[in-house]
């Protein structure tokens, strides 16, 4: 679902793809750079719960990385910077949003610190 934003410089109304949340977007009218609002953790969870992998990919974009668990039916789709940390009010750049997919559907969303490289 596209995100509607208004350019604070020129007032132009823009419709931006959902996967650009948390990214910069150039206003088509004045060419100024805008920040596309990021989702709260609850908004992200509500958007993806019980969705298929294809729906998640369409709604929030492809994952930054994919992992598996001991249960081979489960995949972990990892996103960084797609949600707002409630403690800081800023994008989760140091935490992962982990979407757990079981048998093709999202069954859980949780958040964890990024592992040190």
PDB file of N, CA and C in Angstrom:
ATOM      1  N   UNK A   1       0.839  -1.158   0.000  1.00  0.00           N
ATOM      2  CA  UNK A   1       0.000   0.000   0.000  1.00  0.00           C
ATOM      3  C   UNK A   1       0.900   1.242   0.000  1.00  0.00           C
ATOM      4  N   UNK A   2       0.730   2.141  -0.939  1.00  0.00           N
ATOM      5  CA  UNK A   2       1.585   3.332  -1.006  1.00  0.00           C
ATOM      6  C   UNK A   2       1.431   4.224   0.223  1.00  0.00           C
ATOM      7  N   UNK A   3       2.500   4.958   0.521  1.00  0.00           N
ATOM      8  CA  UNK A   3       2.528   5.892   1.637  1.00  0.00           C
ATOM      9  C   UNK A   3       2.304   7.287   1.068  1.00  0.00           C
ATOM     10  N   UNK A   4       1.381   8.038   1.669  1.00  0.00           N
ATOM     11  CA  UNK A   4       1.136   9.414   1.231  1.00  0.00           C
ATOM     12  C   UNK A   4       1.946  10.359   2.105  1.00  0.00           C
ATOM     13  N   UNK A   5       2.757  11.203   1.475  1.00  0.00           N
ATOM     14  CA  UNK A   5       3.525  12.199   2.216  1.00  0.00           C
ATOM     15  C   UNK A   5       3.371  13.552   1.534  1.00  0.00           C
ATOM     16  N   UNK A   6       3.565  14.595   2.309  1.00  0.00           N
ATOM     17  CA  UNK A   6       3.493  15.961   1.790  1.00  0.00           C
ATOM     18  C   UNK A   6       4.862  16.594   1.942  1.00  0.00           C
ATOM     19  N   UNK A   7       5.366  17.183   0.884  1.00  0.00           N
ATOM     20  CA  UNK A   7       6.663  17.843   0.913  1.00  0.00           C
ATOM     21  C   UNK A   7       6.550  19.096   1.787  1.00  0.00           C
ATOM     22  N   UNK A   8       7.395  19.209   2.831  1.00  0.00           N
ATOM     23  CA  UNK A   8       7.310  20.387   3.681  1.00  0.00           C
ATOM     24  C   UNK A   8       7.807  21.664   2.999  1.00  0.00           C
ATOM     25  N   UNK A   9       8.572  21.513   1.931  1.00  0.00           N
ATOM     26  CA  UNK A   9       9.116  22.685   1.240  1.00  0.00           C
ATOM     27  C   UNK A   9       8.107  23.301   0.276  1.00  0.00           C
ATOM     28  N   UNK A  10       7.496  22.453  -0.583  1.00  0.00           N
ATOM     29  CA  UNK A  10       6.612  23.006  -1.616  1.00  0.00           C
ATOM     30  C   UNK A  10       5.142  22.620  -1.453  1.00  0.00           C
ATOM     31  N   UNK A  11       4.842  21.689  -0.537  1.00  0.00           N
ATOM     32  CA  UNK A  11       3.472  21.276  -0.302  1.00  0.00           C
ATOM     33  C   UNK A  11       2.935  20.221  -1.245  1.00  0.00           C
ATOM     34  N   UNK A  12       3.776  19.718  -2.149  1.00  0.00           N
ATOM     35  CA  UNK A  12       3.331  18.687  -3.094  1.00  0.00           C
ATOM     36  C   UNK A  12       2.966  17.410  -2.338  1.00  0.00           C
ATOM     37  N   UNK A  13       1.898  16.772  -2.767  1.00  0.00           N
ATOM     38  CA  UNK A  13       1.485  15.495  -2.189  1.00  0.00           C
ATOM     39  C   UNK A  13       2.099  14.386  -3.046  1.00  0.00           C
ATOM     40  N   UNK A  14       2.770  13.453  -2.370  1.00  0.00           N
ATOM     41  CA  UNK A  14       3.469  12.372  -3.073  1.00  0.00           C
ATOM     42  C   UNK A  14       2.945  11.020  -2.607  1.00  0.00           C
ATOM     43  N   UNK A  15       2.870  10.078  -3.517  1.00  0.00           N
ATOM     44  CA  UNK A  15       2.519   8.698  -3.197  1.00  0.00           C
ATOM     45  C   UNK A  15       3.782   7.865  -3.411  1.00  0.00           C
ATOM     46  N   UNK A  16       4.281   7.283  -2.317  1.00  0.00           N
ATOM     47  CA  UNK A  16       5.577   6.604  -2.327  1.00  0.00           C
ATOM     48  C   UNK A  16       5.379   5.117  -2.047  1.00  0.00           C
ATOM     49  N   UNK A  17       6.083   4.226  -2.751  1.00  0.00           N
ATOM     50  CA  UNK A  17       5.950   2.789  -2.474  1.00  0.00           C
ATOM     51  C   UNK A  17       6.286   2.460  -1.017  1.00  0.00           C
ATOM     52  N   UNK A  18       5.545   1.532  -0.443  1.00  0.00           N
ATOM     53  CA  UNK A  18       5.696   1.111   0.954  1.00  0.00           C
ATOM     54  C   UNK A  18       7.135   0.717   1.298  1.00  0.00           C
ATOM     55  N   UNK A  19       7.817   0.063   0.355  1.00  0.00           N
ATOM     56  CA  UNK A  19       9.174  -0.423   0.645  1.00  0.00           C
ATOM     57  C   UNK A  19      10.196   0.700   0.820  1.00  0.00           C
ATOM     58  N   UNK A  20       9.812   1.931   0.535  1.00  0.00           N
ATOM     59  CA  UNK A  20      10.726   3.064   0.724  1.00  0.00           C
ATOM     60  C   UNK A  20      10.600   3.701   2.107  1.00  0.00           C
ATOM     61  N   UNK A  21       9.789   3.112   2.989  1.00  0.00           N
ATOM     62  CA  UNK A  21       9.693   3.634   4.360  1.00  0.00           C
ATOM     63  C   UNK A  21      11.085   3.641   4.984  1.00  0.00           C
ATOM     64  N   UNK A  22      11.407   4.748   5.637  1.00  0.00           N
ATOM     65  CA  UNK A  22      12.715   4.874   6.270  1.00  0.00           C
ATOM     66  C   UNK A  22      13.814   5.321   5.328  1.00  0.00           C
ATOM     67  N   UNK A  23      13.479   5.508   4.070  1.00  0.00           N
ATOM     68  CA  UNK A  23      14.467   5.918   3.064  1.00  0.00           C
ATOM     69  C   UNK A  23      14.209   7.373   2.649  1.00  0.00           C
ATOM     70  N   UNK A  24      15.094   7.873   1.816  1.00  0.00           N
ATOM     71  CA  UNK A  24      14.910   9.204   1.260  1.00  0.00           C
ATOM     72  C   UNK A  24      14.187   9.093  -0.072  1.00  0.00           C
ATOM     73  N   UNK A  25      13.391  10.123  -0.384  1.00  0.00           N
ATOM     74  CA  UNK A  25      12.624  10.170  -1.623  1.00  0.00           C
ATOM     75  C   UNK A  25      12.687  11.596  -2.139  1.00  0.00           C
ATOM     76  N   UNK A  26      12.927  11.747  -3.432  1.00  0.00           N
ATOM     77  CA  UNK A  26      13.032  13.076  -4.028  1.00  0.00           C
ATOM     78  C   UNK A  26      11.654  13.564  -4.451  1.00  0.00           C
ATOM     79  N   UNK A  27      11.289  14.753  -3.968  1.00  0.00           N
ATOM     80  CA  UNK A  27      10.004  15.351  -4.324  1.00  0.00           C
ATOM     81  C   UNK A  27       9.974  15.569  -5.843  1.00  0.00           C
ATOM     82  N   UNK A  28       8.938  15.082  -6.515  1.00  0.00           N
ATOM     83  CA  UNK A  28       8.882  15.235  -7.967  1.00  0.00           C
ATOM     84  C   UNK A  28       8.691  16.692  -8.416  1.00  0.00           C
ATOM     85  N   UNK A  29       8.193  17.540  -7.502  1.00  0.00           N
ATOM     86  CA  UNK A  29       7.927  18.936  -7.873  1.00  0.00           C
ATOM     87  C   UNK A  29       9.152  19.833  -7.645  1.00  0.00           C
ATOM     88  N   UNK A  30       9.654  19.888  -6.405  1.00  0.00           N
ATOM     89  CA  UNK A  30      10.746  20.827  -6.095  1.00  0.00           C
ATOM     90  C   UNK A  30      12.127  20.154  -6.039  1.00  0.00           C
ATOM     91  N   UNK A  31      12.160  18.834  -6.125  1.00  0.00           N
ATOM     92  CA  UNK A  31      13.407  18.047  -6.128  1.00  0.00           C
ATOM     93  C   UNK A  31      14.127  18.021  -4.774  1.00  0.00           C
ATOM     94  N   UNK A  32      13.449  18.476  -3.711  1.00  0.00           N
ATOM     95  CA  UNK A  32      14.024  18.399  -2.376  1.00  0.00           C
ATOM     96  C   UNK A  32      13.941  16.944  -1.894  1.00  0.00           C
ATOM     97  N   UNK A  33      14.855  16.552  -0.997  1.00  0.00           N
ATOM     98  CA  UNK A  33      14.850  15.192  -0.462  1.00  0.00           C
ATOM     99  C   UNK A  33      13.958  15.117   0.763  1.00  0.00           C
ATOM    100  N   UNK A  34      13.087  14.103   0.804  1.00  0.00           N
ATOM    101  CA  UNK A  34      12.177  13.882   1.916  1.00  0.00           C
ATOM    102  C   UNK A  34      12.508  12.542   2.564  1.00  0.00           C
ATOM    103  N   UNK A  35      12.228  12.411   3.853  1.00  0.00           N
ATOM    104  CA  UNK A  35      12.360  11.121   4.522  1.00  0.00           C
ATOM    105  C   UNK A  35      10.979  10.491   4.576  1.00  0.00           C
ATOM    106  N   UNK A  36      10.874   9.275   4.053  1.00  0.00           N
ATOM    107  CA  UNK A  36       9.596   8.564   4.084  1.00  0.00           C
ATOM    108  C   UNK A  36       9.424   8.001   5.497  1.00  0.00           C
ATOM    109  N   UNK A  37       8.290   8.281   6.152  1.00  0.00           N
ATOM    110  CA  UNK A  37       8.100   7.830   7.530  1.00  0.00           C
ATOM    111  C   UNK A  37       8.264   6.316   7.677  1.00  0.00           C
ATOM    112  N   UNK A  38       8.868   5.932   8.799  1.00  0.00           N
ATOM    113  CA  UNK A  38       9.089   4.526   9.133  1.00  0.00           C
ATOM    114  C   UNK A  38       7.892   4.011   9.926  1.00  0.00           C
ATOM    115  N   UNK A  39       7.672   2.715   9.904  1.00  0.00           N
ATOM    116  CA  UNK A  39       6.574   2.092  10.640  1.00  0.00           C
ATOM    117  C   UNK A  39       6.925   1.917  12.115  1.00  0.00           C
ATOM    118  N   UNK A  40       5.929   2.029  12.987  1.00  0.00           N
ATOM    119  CA  UNK A  40       6.152   1.612  14.366  1.00  0.00           C
ATOM    120  C   UNK A  40       6.243   0.088  14.350  1.00  0.00           C
ATOM    121  N   UNK A  41       6.762  -0.471  15.408  1.00  0.00           N
ATOM    122  CA  UNK A  41       6.860  -1.933  15.473  1.00  0.00           C
ATOM    123  C   UNK A  41       5.484  -2.582  15.392  1.00  0.00           C
ATOM    124  N   UNK A  42       4.495  -1.996  16.057  1.00  0.00           N
ATOM    125  CA  UNK A  42       3.138  -2.550  16.013  1.00  0.00           C
ATOM    126  C   UNK A  42       2.527  -2.445  14.618  1.00  0.00           C
ATOM    127  N   UNK A  43       2.774  -1.335  13.920  1.00  0.00           N
ATOM    128  CA  UNK A  43       2.276  -1.185  12.545  1.00  0.00           C
ATOM    129  C   UNK A  43       2.902  -2.238  11.636  1.00  0.00           C
ATOM    130  N   UNK A  44       4.216  -2.435  11.771  1.00  0.00           N
ATOM    131  CA  UNK A  44       4.910  -3.436  10.954  1.00  0.00           C
ATOM    132  C   UNK A  44       4.310  -4.814  11.214  1.00  0.00           C
ATOM    133  N   UNK A  45       4.177  -5.155  12.493  1.00  0.00           N
ATOM    134  CA  UNK A  45       3.631  -6.470  12.874  1.00  0.00           C
ATOM    135  C   UNK A  45       2.229  -6.650  12.283  1.00  0.00           C
ATOM    136  N   UNK A  46       1.377  -5.639  12.418  1.00  0.00           N
ATOM    137  CA  UNK A  46       0.006  -5.733  11.906  1.00  0.00           C
ATOM    138  C   UNK A  46      -0.031  -5.887  10.386  1.00  0.00           C
ATOM    139  N   UNK A  47       0.894  -5.254   9.690  1.00  0.00           N
ATOM    140  CA  UNK A  47       0.922  -5.341   8.227  1.00  0.00           C
ATOM    141  C   UNK A  47       1.298  -6.726   7.712  1.00  0.00           C
ATOM    142  N   UNK A  48       2.159  -7.450   8.453  1.00  0.00           N
ATOM    143  CA  UNK A  48       2.695  -8.698   7.901  1.00  0.00           C
ATOM    144  C   UNK A  48       2.155  -9.986   8.518  1.00  0.00           C
ATOM    145  N   UNK A  49       1.558  -9.906   9.713  1.00  0.00           N
ATOM    146  CA  UNK A  49       1.096 -11.144  10.357  1.00  0.00           C
ATOM    147  C   UNK A  49       0.122 -11.920   9.472  1.00  0.00           C
ATOM    148  N   UNK A  50       0.368 -13.229   9.385  1.00  0.00           N
ATOM    149  CA  UNK A  50      -0.433 -14.191   8.623  1.00  0.00           C
ATOM    150  C   UNK A  50      -0.434 -13.938   7.114  1.00  0.00           C
ATOM    151  N   UNK A  51       0.499 -13.143   6.639  1.00  0.00           N
ATOM    152  CA  UNK A  51       0.633 -12.905   5.197  1.00  0.00           C
ATOM    153  C   UNK A  51       1.564 -13.956   4.606  1.00  0.00           C
ATOM    154  N   UNK A  52       1.462 -14.157   3.304  1.00  0.00           N
ATOM    155  CA  UNK A  52       2.384 -15.053   2.602  1.00  0.00           C
ATOM    156  C   UNK A  52       3.706 -14.332   2.358  1.00  0.00           C
ATOM    157  N   UNK A  53       4.713 -15.085   1.971  1.00  0.00           N
ATOM    158  CA  UNK A  53       6.007 -14.474   1.660  1.00  0.00           C
ATOM    159  C   UNK A  53       5.872 -13.455   0.538  1.00  0.00           C
ATOM    160  N   UNK A  54       5.067 -13.777  -0.455  1.00  0.00           N
ATOM    161  CA  UNK A  54       4.874 -12.873  -1.582  1.00  0.00           C
ATOM    162  C   UNK A  54       4.214 -11.567  -1.125  1.00  0.00           C
ATOM    163  N   UNK A  55       3.235 -11.672  -0.235  1.00  0.00           N
ATOM    164  CA  UNK A  55       2.561 -10.482   0.274  1.00  0.00           C
ATOM    165  C   UNK A  55       3.519  -9.619   1.102  1.00  0.00           C
ATOM    166  N   UNK A  56       4.322 -10.256   1.944  1.00  0.00           N
ATOM    167  CA  UNK A  56       5.293  -9.516   2.758  1.00  0.00           C
ATOM    168  C   UNK A  56       6.275  -8.786   1.849  1.00  0.00           C
ATOM    169  N   UNK A  57       6.751  -9.470   0.830  1.00  0.00           N
ATOM    170  CA  UNK A  57       7.698  -8.860  -0.118  1.00  0.00           C
ATOM    171  C   UNK A  57       7.070  -7.645  -0.791  1.00  0.00           C
ATOM    172  N   UNK A  58       5.801  -7.744  -1.128  1.00  0.00           N
ATOM    173  CA  UNK A  58       5.103  -6.625  -1.773  1.00  0.00           C
ATOM    174  C   UNK A  58       4.837  -5.488  -0.783  1.00  0.00           C
ATOM    175  N   UNK A  59       4.514  -5.806   0.467  1.00  0.00           N
ATOM    176  CA  UNK A  59       4.128  -4.795   1.454  1.00  0.00           C
ATOM    177  C   UNK A  59       5.330  -4.029   2.002  1.00  0.00           C
ATOM    178  N   UNK A  60       6.367  -4.744   2.430  1.00  0.00           N
ATOM    179  CA  UNK A  60       7.508  -4.078   3.074  1.00  0.00           C
ATOM    180  C   UNK A  60       8.823  -4.254   2.324  1.00  0.00           C
ATOM    181  N   UNK A  61       8.771  -4.943   1.188  1.00  0.00           N
ATOM    182  CA  UNK A  61       9.980  -5.121   0.392  1.00  0.00           C
ATOM    183  C   UNK A  61      10.734  -6.379   0.767  1.00  0.00           C
ATOM    184  N   UNK A  62      11.767  -6.686  -0.006  1.00  0.00           N
ATOM    185  CA  UNK A  62      12.537  -7.898   0.255  1.00  0.00           C
ATOM    186  C   UNK A  62      13.345  -7.758   1.549  1.00  0.00           C
ATOM    187  N   UNK A  63      13.628  -8.892   2.211  1.00  0.00           N
ATOM    188  CA  UNK A  63      14.406  -8.827   3.446  1.00  0.00           C
ATOM    189  C   UNK A  63      15.858  -8.449   3.165  1.00  0.00           C
ATOM    190  N   UNK A  64      16.516  -7.905   4.208  1.00  0.00           N
ATOM    191  CA  UNK A  64      17.947  -7.601   4.093  1.00  0.00           C
ATOM    192  C   UNK A  64      18.774  -8.877   4.136  1.00  0.00           C
ATOM    193  N   UNK A  65      18.265  -9.888   4.843  1.00  0.00           N
ATOM    194  CA  UNK A  65      18.909 -11.206   4.874  1.00  0.00           C
ATOM    195  C   UNK A  65      17.860 -12.244   5.241  1.00  0.00           C
ATOM    196  N   UNK A  66      18.179 -13.502   4.950  1.00  0.00           N
ATOM    197  CA  UNK A  66      17.271 -14.611   5.248  1.00  0.00           C
ATOM    198  C   UNK A  66      18.049 -15.672   6.011  1.00  0.00           C
ATOM    199  N   UNK A  67      17.428 -16.192   7.061  1.00  0.00           N
ATOM    200  CA  UNK A  67      18.036 -17.278   7.824  1.00  0.00           C
ATOM    201  C   UNK A  67      17.031 -18.398   7.999  1.00  0.00           C
ATOM    202  N   UNK A  68      17.502 -19.515   8.511  1.00  0.00           N
ATOM    203  CA  UNK A  68      16.623 -20.646   8.795  1.00  0.00           C
ATOM    204  C   UNK A  68      16.802 -21.045  10.253  1.00  0.00           C
ATOM    205  N   UNK A  69      15.861 -21.818  10.746  1.00  0.00           N
ATOM    206  CA  UNK A  69      15.962 -22.330  12.101  1.00  0.00           C
ATOM    207  C   UNK A  69      16.177 -23.831  12.028  1.00  0.00           C
ATOM    208  N   UNK A  70      16.246 -24.474  13.199  1.00  0.00           N
ATOM    209  CA  UNK A  70      16.417 -25.926  13.212  1.00  0.00           C
ATOM    210  C   UNK A  70      15.246 -26.614  12.525  1.00  0.00           C
ATOM    211  N   UNK A  71      14.079 -25.992  12.611  1.00  0.00           N
ATOM    212  CA  UNK A  71      12.897 -26.505  11.940  1.00  0.00           C
ATOM    213  C   UNK A  71      12.951 -26.007  10.498  1.00  0.00           C
ATOM    214  N   UNK A  72      13.217 -26.891   9.555  1.00  0.00           N
ATOM    215  CA  UNK A  72      13.457 -26.481   8.162  1.00  0.00           C
ATOM    216  C   UNK A  72      12.252 -25.825   7.502  1.00  0.00           C
ATOM    217  N   UNK A  73      11.068 -25.951   8.117  1.00  0.00           N
ATOM    218  CA  UNK A  73       9.886 -25.297   7.549  1.00  0.00           C
ATOM    219  C   UNK A  73       9.898 -23.809   7.819  1.00  0.00           C
ATOM    220  N   UNK A  74      10.720 -23.368   8.763  1.00  0.00           N
ATOM    221  CA  UNK A  74      10.721 -21.963   9.187  1.00  0.00           C
ATOM    222  C   UNK A  74      11.857 -21.185   8.544  1.00  0.00           C
ATOM    223  N   UNK A  75      11.508 -19.991   8.111  1.00  0.00           N
ATOM    224  CA  UNK A  75      12.497 -19.038   7.609  1.00  0.00           C
ATOM    225  C   UNK A  75      12.440 -17.806   8.484  1.00  0.00           C
ATOM    226  N   UNK A  76      13.575 -17.144   8.627  1.00  0.00           N
ATOM    227  CA  UNK A  76      13.626 -15.865   9.335  1.00  0.00           C
ATOM    228  C   UNK A  76      14.020 -14.805   8.321  1.00  0.00           C
ATOM    229  N   UNK A  77      13.120 -13.887   8.060  1.00  0.00           N
ATOM    230  CA  UNK A  77      13.410 -12.767   7.173  1.00  0.00           C
ATOM    231  C   UNK A  77      13.806 -11.598   8.061  1.00  0.00           C
ATOM    232  N   UNK A  78      15.001 -11.090   7.856  1.00  0.00           N
ATOM    233  CA  UNK A  78      15.554 -10.038   8.697  1.00  0.00           C
ATOM    234  C   UNK A  78      15.531  -8.693   7.981  1.00  0.00           C
ATOM    235  N   UNK A  79      14.997  -7.692   8.676  1.00  0.00           N
ATOM    236  CA  UNK A  79      14.936  -6.331   8.159  1.00  0.00           C
ATOM    237  C   UNK A  79      15.657  -5.404   9.136  1.00  0.00           C
ATOM    238  N   UNK A  80      16.306  -4.391   8.596  1.00  0.00           N
ATOM    239  CA  UNK A  80      16.975  -3.401   9.438  1.00  0.00           C
ATOM    240  C   UNK A  80      16.515  -2.004   9.004  1.00  0.00           C
ATOM    241  N   UNK A  81      16.141  -1.168   9.971  1.00  0.00           N
ATOM    242  CA  UNK A  81      15.748   0.203   9.666  1.00  0.00           C
ATOM    243  C   UNK A  81      14.340   0.376   9.161  1.00  0.00           C
ATOM    244  N   UNK A  82      13.511  -0.663   9.233  1.00  0.00           N
ATOM    245  CA  UNK A  82      12.126  -0.557   8.746  1.00  0.00           C
ATOM    246  C   UNK A  82      11.152  -0.150   9.837  1.00  0.00           C
ATOM    247  N   UNK A  83      11.592  -0.192  11.102  1.00  0.00           N
ATOM    248  CA  UNK A  83      10.696   0.122  12.205  1.00  0.00           C
ATOM    249  C   UNK A  83      11.307   1.193  13.102  1.00  0.00           C
ATOM    250  N   UNK A  84      10.467   1.753  13.965  1.00  0.00           N
ATOM    251  CA  UNK A  84      10.904   2.766  14.925  1.00  0.00           C
ATOM    252  C   UNK A  84      11.096   2.105  16.287  1.00  0.00           C
ATOM    253  N   UNK A  85      12.233   2.355  16.903  1.00  0.00           N
ATOM    254  CA  UNK A  85      12.503   1.853  18.248  1.00  0.00           C
ATOM    255  C   UNK A  85      11.689   2.682  19.227  1.00  0.00           C
ATOM    256  N   UNK A  86      10.804   2.058  20.004  1.00  0.00           N
ATOM    257  CA  UNK A  86       9.952   2.842  20.909  1.00  0.00           C
ATOM    258  C   UNK A  86      10.741   3.564  22.006  1.00  0.00           C
ATOM    259  N   UNK A  87      11.914   3.062  22.363  1.00  0.00           N
ATOM    260  CA  UNK A  87      12.720   3.699  23.414  1.00  0.00           C
ATOM    261  C   UNK A  87      13.374   4.993  22.932  1.00  0.00           C
ATOM    262  N   UNK A  88      13.770   5.022  21.642  1.00  0.00           N
ATOM    263  CA  UNK A  88      14.488   6.189  21.132  1.00  0.00           C
ATOM    264  C   UNK A  88      13.636   7.062  20.215  1.00  0.00           C
ATOM    265  N   UNK A  89      12.577   6.479  19.622  1.00  0.00           N
ATOM    266  CA  UNK A  89      11.767   7.212  18.661  1.00  0.00           C
ATOM    267  C   UNK A  89      12.441   7.345  17.309  1.00  0.00           C
ATOM    268  N   UNK A  90      13.548   6.623  17.114  1.00  0.00           N
ATOM    269  CA  UNK A  90      14.292   6.673  15.855  1.00  0.00           C
ATOM    270  C   UNK A  90      14.260   5.307  15.176  1.00  0.00           C
ATOM    271  N   UNK A  91      14.645   5.298  13.889  1.00  0.00           N
ATOM    272  CA  UNK A  91      14.650   4.048  13.128  1.00  0.00           C
ATOM    273  C   UNK A  91      15.549   3.014  13.792  1.00  0.00           C
ATOM    274  N   UNK A  92      15.108   1.763  13.757  1.00  0.00           N
ATOM    275  CA  UNK A  92      15.855   0.639  14.329  1.00  0.00           C
ATOM    276  C   UNK A  92      17.057   0.296  13.452  1.00  0.00           C
ATOM    277  N   UNK A  93      18.112   1.084  13.527  1.00  0.00           N
ATOM    278  CA  UNK A  93      19.305   0.814  12.716  1.00  0.00           C
ATOM    279  C   UNK A  93      20.204  -0.224  13.388  1.00  0.00           C
ATOM    280  N   UNK A  94      20.091  -0.360  14.729  1.00  0.00           N
ATOM    281  CA  UNK A  94      20.939  -1.303  15.462  1.00  0.00           C
ATOM    282  C   UNK A  94      20.188  -2.548  15.899  1.00  0.00           C
ATOM    283  N   UNK A  95      18.943  -2.672  15.450  1.00  0.00           N
ATOM    284  CA  UNK A  95      18.153  -3.855  15.789  1.00  0.00           C
ATOM    285  C   UNK A  95      17.538  -4.438  14.531  1.00  0.00           C
ATOM    286  N   UNK A  96      17.335  -5.740  14.560  1.00  0.00           N
ATOM    287  CA  UNK A  96      16.695  -6.430  13.454  1.00  0.00           C
ATOM    288  C   UNK A  96      15.215  -6.615  13.744  1.00  0.00           C
ATOM    289  N   UNK A  97      14.425  -6.474  12.720  1.00  0.00           N
ATOM    290  CA  UNK A  97      13.033  -6.883  12.762  1.00  0.00           C
ATOM    291  C   UNK A  97      13.035  -8.259  12.125  1.00  0.00           C
ATOM    292  N   UNK A  98      12.682  -9.278  12.893  1.00  0.00           N
ATOM    293  CA  UNK A  98      12.754 -10.657  12.415  1.00  0.00           C
ATOM    294  C   UNK A  98      11.343 -11.168  12.166  1.00  0.00           C
ATOM    295  N   UNK A  99      11.078 -11.495  10.913  1.00  0.00           N
ATOM    296  CA  UNK A  99       9.779 -12.018  10.503  1.00  0.00           C
ATOM    297  C   UNK A  99       9.935 -13.535  10.378  1.00  0.00           C
ATOM    298  N   UNK A 100       9.166 -14.279  11.169  1.00  0.00           N
ATOM    299  CA  UNK A 100       9.249 -15.739  11.168  1.00  0.00           C
ATOM    300  C   UNK A 100       8.151 -16.285  10.262  1.00  0.00           C
ATOM    301  N   UNK A 101       8.581 -17.048   9.263  1.00  0.00           N
ATOM    302  CA  UNK A 101       7.655 -17.611   8.283  1.00  0.00           C
ATOM    303  C   UNK A 101       7.645 -19.126   8.450  1.00  0.00           C
ATOM    304  N   UNK A 102       6.464 -19.684   8.634  1.00  0.00           N
ATOM    305  CA  UNK A 102       6.302 -21.133   8.820  1.00  0.00           C
ATOM    306  C   UNK A 102       5.301 -21.627   7.781  1.00  0.00           C
ATOM    307  N   UNK A 103       5.723 -22.601   6.999  1.00  0.00           N
ATOM    308  CA  UNK A 103       4.864 -23.144   5.939  1.00  0.00           C
ATOM    309  C   UNK A 103       4.301 -22.065   5.025  1.00  0.00           C
ATOM    310  N   UNK A 104       5.119 -21.048   4.736  1.00  0.00           N
ATOM    311  CA  UNK A 104       4.750 -20.022   3.772  1.00  0.00           C
ATOM    312  C   UNK A 104       3.997 -18.829   4.331  1.00  0.00           C
ATOM    313  N   UNK A 105       3.694 -18.823   5.654  1.00  0.00           N
ATOM    314  CA  UNK A 105       2.951 -17.723   6.262  1.00  0.00           C
ATOM    315  C   UNK A 105       3.705 -17.142   7.453  1.00  0.00           C
ATOM    316  N   UNK A 106       3.542 -15.841   7.674  1.00  0.00           N
ATOM    317  CA  UNK A 106       4.157 -15.178   8.823  1.00  0.00           C
ATOM    318  C   UNK A 106       3.424 -15.614  10.086  1.00  0.00           C
ATOM    319  N   UNK A 107       4.196 -16.144  11.050  1.00  0.00           N
ATOM    320  CA  UNK A 107       3.601 -16.601  12.312  1.00  0.00           C
ATOM    321  C   UNK A 107       4.105 -15.795  13.509  1.00  0.00           C
ATOM    322  N   UNK A 108       5.154 -14.996  13.315  1.00  0.00           N
ATOM    323  CA  UNK A 108       5.685 -14.213  14.424  1.00  0.00           C
ATOM    324  C   UNK A 108       6.547 -13.084  13.868  1.00  0.00           C
ATOM    325  N   UNK A 109       6.612 -12.007  14.627  1.00  0.00           N
ATOM    326  CA  UNK A 109       7.531 -10.892  14.342  1.00  0.00           C
ATOM    327  C   UNK A 109       8.147 -10.525  15.670  1.00  0.00           C
ATOM    328  N   UNK A 110       9.479 -10.523  15.728  1.00  0.00           N
ATOM    329  CA  UNK A 110      10.130 -10.076  16.957  1.00  0.00           C
ATOM    330  C   UNK A 110      11.344  -9.231  16.609  1.00  0.00           C
ATOM    331  N   UNK A 111      11.952  -8.659  17.630  1.00  0.00           N
ATOM    332  CA  UNK A 111      13.015  -7.683  17.446  1.00  0.00           C
ATOM    333  C   UNK A 111      14.205  -8.092  18.288  1.00  0.00           C
ATOM    334  N   UNK A 112      15.405  -7.953  17.728  1.00  0.00           N
ATOM    335  CA  UNK A 112      16.620  -8.356  18.438  1.00  0.00           C
ATOM    336  C   UNK A 112      17.772  -7.480  18.006  1.00  0.00           C
ATOM    337  N   UNK A 113      18.745  -7.274  18.905  1.00  0.00           N
ATOM    338  CA  UNK A 113      19.930  -6.498  18.526  1.00  0.00           C
ATOM    339  C   UNK A 113      20.672  -7.174  17.376  1.00  0.00           C
ATOM    340  N   UNK A 114      21.236  -6.366  16.495  1.00  0.00           N
ATOM    341  CA  UNK A 114      22.060  -6.919  15.415  1.00  0.00           C
ATOM    342  C   UNK A 114      23.307  -7.535  16.026  1.00  0.00           C
ATOM    343  N   UNK A 115      23.718  -8.674  15.483  1.00  0.00           N
ATOM    344  CA  UNK A 115      24.943  -9.321  15.953  1.00  0.00           C
ATOM    345  C   UNK A 115      26.145  -8.503  15.500  1.00  0.00           C
ATOM    346  N   UNK A 116      27.164  -8.472  16.344  1.00  0.00           N
ATOM    347  CA  UNK A 116      28.395  -7.756  15.970  1.00  0.00           C
ATOM    348  C   UNK A 116      29.064  -8.476  14.817  1.00  0.00           C
ATOM    349  N   UNK A 117      29.639  -7.715  13.863  1.00  0.00           N
ATOM    350  CA  UNK A 117      30.262  -8.370  12.688  1.00  0.00           C
ATOM    351  C   UNK A 117      31.490  -9.159  13.066  1.00  0.00           C
TER     352      UNK A 117
END
